[in-house]
């Protein structure tokens, strides 16, 4: 089992970025998704070290019906 956790915006940008391009207001769309996921899976909301809400990637993939790997993996920040 994977314990990878992501915020909804990072998940969507990594796995389904094209859907953001189709939205009139991507920020409102992300807010809607976070509210929906929080309501459906209240026991799976966690917080990262910065206080951002994160969910298990496996839960997010199941919610969105995604079976593959990220189409656009996150590029690590330069140190």
N, C-alpha and C. Protein backbone atom coordinates (compact mmCIF):
# COMPACT_ATOMS: atom_id res chain seq x y z
N UNK A 1 0.85 -1.18 0.00
CA UNK A 1 0.00 0.00 0.00
C UNK A 1 0.89 1.24 0.00
N UNK A 2 0.52 2.21 -0.79
CA UNK A 2 1.27 3.46 -0.87
C UNK A 2 0.71 4.45 0.15
N UNK A 3 1.61 5.18 0.77
CA UNK A 3 1.19 6.19 1.73
C UNK A 3 1.41 7.60 1.18
N UNK A 4 1.54 7.72 -0.13
CA UNK A 4 1.73 9.03 -0.76
C UNK A 4 0.50 9.88 -0.54
N UNK A 5 0.73 11.14 -0.22
CA UNK A 5 -0.36 12.08 0.04
C UNK A 5 -0.15 13.31 -0.84
N UNK A 6 -1.25 13.84 -1.37
CA UNK A 6 -1.19 15.04 -2.20
C UNK A 6 -2.36 15.96 -1.88
N UNK A 7 -2.14 17.24 -2.14
CA UNK A 7 -3.26 18.18 -2.10
C UNK A 7 -4.07 17.95 -3.37
N UNK A 8 -5.31 18.39 -3.36
CA UNK A 8 -6.15 18.25 -4.55
C UNK A 8 -5.56 19.00 -5.74
N UNK A 9 -5.09 20.26 -5.57
CA UNK A 9 -4.54 20.96 -6.73
C UNK A 9 -3.33 20.25 -7.34
N UNK A 10 -2.44 19.74 -6.50
CA UNK A 10 -1.26 19.04 -7.03
C UNK A 10 -1.69 17.75 -7.72
N UNK A 11 -2.64 17.03 -7.13
CA UNK A 11 -3.12 15.81 -7.75
C UNK A 11 -3.71 16.09 -9.13
N UNK A 12 -4.58 17.08 -9.22
CA UNK A 12 -5.24 17.39 -10.49
C UNK A 12 -4.20 17.83 -11.53
N UNK A 13 -3.25 18.67 -11.12
CA UNK A 13 -2.21 19.11 -12.06
C UNK A 13 -1.33 17.95 -12.51
N UNK A 14 -1.13 16.96 -11.66
CA UNK A 14 -0.27 15.83 -11.99
C UNK A 14 -0.99 14.75 -12.80
N UNK A 15 -2.24 14.49 -12.48
CA UNK A 15 -2.96 13.37 -13.08
C UNK A 15 -3.96 13.77 -14.15
N UNK A 16 -4.50 14.97 -14.08
CA UNK A 16 -5.59 15.33 -14.99
C UNK A 16 -5.57 16.82 -15.30
N UNK A 17 -4.39 17.33 -15.67
CA UNK A 17 -4.21 18.76 -15.90
C UNK A 17 -5.16 19.30 -16.97
N UNK A 18 -5.46 18.49 -17.97
CA UNK A 18 -6.33 18.95 -19.06
C UNK A 18 -7.69 19.42 -18.55
N UNK A 19 -8.20 18.80 -17.48
CA UNK A 19 -9.52 19.20 -16.99
C UNK A 19 -9.49 20.63 -16.47
N UNK A 20 -8.34 21.09 -15.96
CA UNK A 20 -8.25 22.49 -15.49
C UNK A 20 -8.36 23.46 -16.66
N UNK A 21 -7.80 23.09 -17.81
CA UNK A 21 -7.87 23.95 -18.99
C UNK A 21 -9.29 24.13 -19.48
N UNK A 22 -10.17 23.20 -19.14
CA UNK A 22 -11.56 23.26 -19.59
C UNK A 22 -12.45 24.09 -18.65
N UNK A 23 -11.92 24.50 -17.52
CA UNK A 23 -12.70 25.22 -16.52
C UNK A 23 -12.64 26.73 -16.76
N UNK A 24 -13.78 27.39 -16.58
CA UNK A 24 -13.81 28.86 -16.67
C UNK A 24 -13.05 29.48 -15.50
N UNK A 25 -13.14 28.84 -14.32
CA UNK A 25 -12.47 29.33 -13.12
C UNK A 25 -11.80 28.14 -12.43
N UNK A 26 -10.54 27.84 -12.78
CA UNK A 26 -9.86 26.68 -12.20
C UNK A 26 -9.77 26.71 -10.67
N UNK A 27 -9.61 27.88 -10.09
CA UNK A 27 -9.51 27.96 -8.63
C UNK A 27 -10.84 27.57 -7.98
N UNK A 28 -11.94 28.04 -8.53
CA UNK A 28 -13.26 27.67 -8.02
C UNK A 28 -13.50 26.17 -8.20
N UNK A 29 -13.05 25.62 -9.32
CA UNK A 29 -13.19 24.19 -9.59
C UNK A 29 -12.42 23.39 -8.53
N UNK A 30 -11.20 23.77 -8.22
CA UNK A 30 -10.40 23.08 -7.21
C UNK A 30 -11.08 23.18 -5.85
N UNK A 31 -11.59 24.35 -5.51
CA UNK A 31 -12.29 24.55 -4.24
C UNK A 31 -13.50 23.62 -4.16
N UNK A 32 -14.24 23.51 -5.26
CA UNK A 32 -15.40 22.62 -5.31
C UNK A 32 -14.95 21.17 -5.09
N UNK A 33 -13.89 20.75 -5.75
CA UNK A 33 -13.40 19.38 -5.60
C UNK A 33 -12.97 19.10 -4.16
N UNK A 34 -12.24 20.04 -3.55
CA UNK A 34 -11.81 19.85 -2.16
C UNK A 34 -13.00 19.71 -1.22
N UNK A 35 -14.03 20.52 -1.43
CA UNK A 35 -15.23 20.46 -0.61
C UNK A 35 -15.93 19.11 -0.80
N UNK A 36 -16.03 18.67 -2.03
CA UNK A 36 -16.67 17.39 -2.35
C UNK A 36 -15.92 16.23 -1.70
N UNK A 37 -14.60 16.22 -1.86
CA UNK A 37 -13.80 15.12 -1.32
C UNK A 37 -13.80 15.15 0.21
N UNK A 38 -13.73 16.33 0.79
CA UNK A 38 -13.79 16.45 2.26
C UNK A 38 -15.10 15.90 2.80
N UNK A 39 -16.19 16.19 2.09
CA UNK A 39 -17.51 15.72 2.52
C UNK A 39 -17.67 14.22 2.37
N UNK A 40 -17.13 13.66 1.30
CA UNK A 40 -17.29 12.23 1.06
C UNK A 40 -16.33 11.37 1.87
N UNK A 41 -15.16 11.92 2.18
CA UNK A 41 -14.13 11.14 2.87
C UNK A 41 -13.58 11.91 4.09
N UNK A 42 -14.45 12.24 5.04
CA UNK A 42 -14.00 13.08 6.17
C UNK A 42 -12.92 12.42 7.03
N UNK A 43 -12.87 11.10 7.06
CA UNK A 43 -11.88 10.41 7.89
C UNK A 43 -10.51 10.31 7.21
N UNK A 44 -10.41 10.77 5.98
CA UNK A 44 -9.15 10.65 5.25
C UNK A 44 -8.50 11.99 4.94
N UNK A 45 -8.95 13.04 5.59
CA UNK A 45 -8.34 14.36 5.43
C UNK A 45 -7.19 14.46 6.43
N UNK A 46 -6.00 14.73 5.91
CA UNK A 46 -4.83 14.90 6.74
C UNK A 46 -4.21 16.26 6.43
N UNK A 47 -3.22 16.64 7.19
CA UNK A 47 -2.55 17.93 6.98
C UNK A 47 -1.05 17.71 6.87
N UNK A 48 -0.44 18.38 5.90
CA UNK A 48 1.01 18.27 5.76
C UNK A 48 1.70 19.24 6.72
N UNK A 49 3.01 19.30 6.67
CA UNK A 49 3.78 20.14 7.60
C UNK A 49 3.52 21.63 7.41
N UNK A 50 2.92 22.01 6.28
CA UNK A 50 2.58 23.41 6.01
C UNK A 50 1.13 23.74 6.32
N UNK A 51 0.38 22.76 6.83
CA UNK A 51 -1.02 22.98 7.16
C UNK A 51 -1.96 22.81 5.98
N UNK A 52 -1.47 22.30 4.85
CA UNK A 52 -2.32 22.06 3.68
C UNK A 52 -3.08 20.75 3.85
N UNK A 53 -4.34 20.73 3.43
CA UNK A 53 -5.10 19.49 3.46
C UNK A 53 -4.58 18.56 2.37
N UNK A 54 -4.33 17.30 2.75
CA UNK A 54 -3.85 16.29 1.81
C UNK A 54 -4.68 15.03 1.98
N UNK A 55 -4.75 14.25 0.91
CA UNK A 55 -5.46 12.98 0.91
C UNK A 55 -4.55 11.92 0.32
N UNK A 56 -4.81 10.65 0.65
CA UNK A 56 -4.02 9.58 0.04
C UNK A 56 -4.24 9.56 -1.47
N UNK A 57 -3.14 9.39 -2.21
CA UNK A 57 -3.23 9.36 -3.67
C UNK A 57 -4.16 8.24 -4.13
N UNK A 58 -4.12 7.09 -3.46
CA UNK A 58 -4.99 5.99 -3.86
C UNK A 58 -6.47 6.36 -3.73
N UNK A 59 -6.82 7.12 -2.71
CA UNK A 59 -8.20 7.58 -2.54
C UNK A 59 -8.58 8.55 -3.66
N UNK A 60 -7.69 9.49 -3.95
CA UNK A 60 -7.98 10.47 -5.01
C UNK A 60 -8.09 9.79 -6.37
N UNK A 61 -7.21 8.84 -6.64
CA UNK A 61 -7.29 8.11 -7.92
C UNK A 61 -8.62 7.37 -8.03
N UNK A 62 -9.05 6.74 -6.94
CA UNK A 62 -10.33 6.04 -6.94
C UNK A 62 -11.50 6.99 -7.13
N UNK A 63 -11.45 8.13 -6.48
CA UNK A 63 -12.53 9.12 -6.59
C UNK A 63 -12.68 9.62 -8.02
N UNK A 64 -11.55 9.86 -8.68
CA UNK A 64 -11.58 10.39 -10.05
C UNK A 64 -11.59 9.29 -11.11
N UNK A 65 -11.50 8.02 -10.71
CA UNK A 65 -11.50 6.92 -11.67
C UNK A 65 -10.22 6.85 -12.49
N UNK A 66 -9.11 7.21 -11.89
CA UNK A 66 -7.82 7.20 -12.58
C UNK A 66 -7.06 5.95 -12.16
N UNK A 67 -6.55 5.22 -13.13
CA UNK A 67 -5.82 3.99 -12.81
C UNK A 67 -4.33 4.08 -13.11
N UNK A 68 -3.93 5.05 -13.88
CA UNK A 68 -2.53 5.14 -14.28
C UNK A 68 -1.68 5.98 -13.36
N UNK A 69 -0.49 6.23 -13.83
CA UNK A 69 0.46 7.05 -13.10
C UNK A 69 0.29 8.51 -13.53
N UNK A 70 0.95 9.43 -12.83
CA UNK A 70 0.82 10.85 -13.19
C UNK A 70 1.24 11.10 -14.64
N UNK A 71 0.48 11.90 -15.32
CA UNK A 71 0.83 12.28 -16.68
C UNK A 71 1.89 13.37 -16.67
N UNK A 72 1.86 14.19 -15.64
CA UNK A 72 2.80 15.29 -15.49
C UNK A 72 3.34 15.24 -14.07
N UNK A 73 4.35 14.39 -13.83
CA UNK A 73 4.88 14.31 -12.47
C UNK A 73 5.39 15.66 -11.99
N UNK A 74 5.25 15.88 -10.72
CA UNK A 74 5.70 17.12 -10.12
C UNK A 74 7.23 17.21 -10.22
N UNK A 75 7.72 18.36 -10.63
CA UNK A 75 9.16 18.56 -10.72
C UNK A 75 9.65 19.04 -9.36
N UNK A 76 10.62 18.33 -8.78
CA UNK A 76 11.10 18.78 -7.45
C UNK A 76 11.70 20.17 -7.52
N UNK A 77 11.47 20.93 -6.47
CA UNK A 77 12.02 22.28 -6.40
C UNK A 77 13.53 22.22 -6.24
N UNK A 78 14.23 23.15 -6.85
CA UNK A 78 15.68 23.21 -6.72
C UNK A 78 16.04 23.60 -5.30
N UNK A 79 17.09 23.01 -4.78
CA UNK A 79 17.51 23.33 -3.41
C UNK A 79 18.72 24.21 -3.42
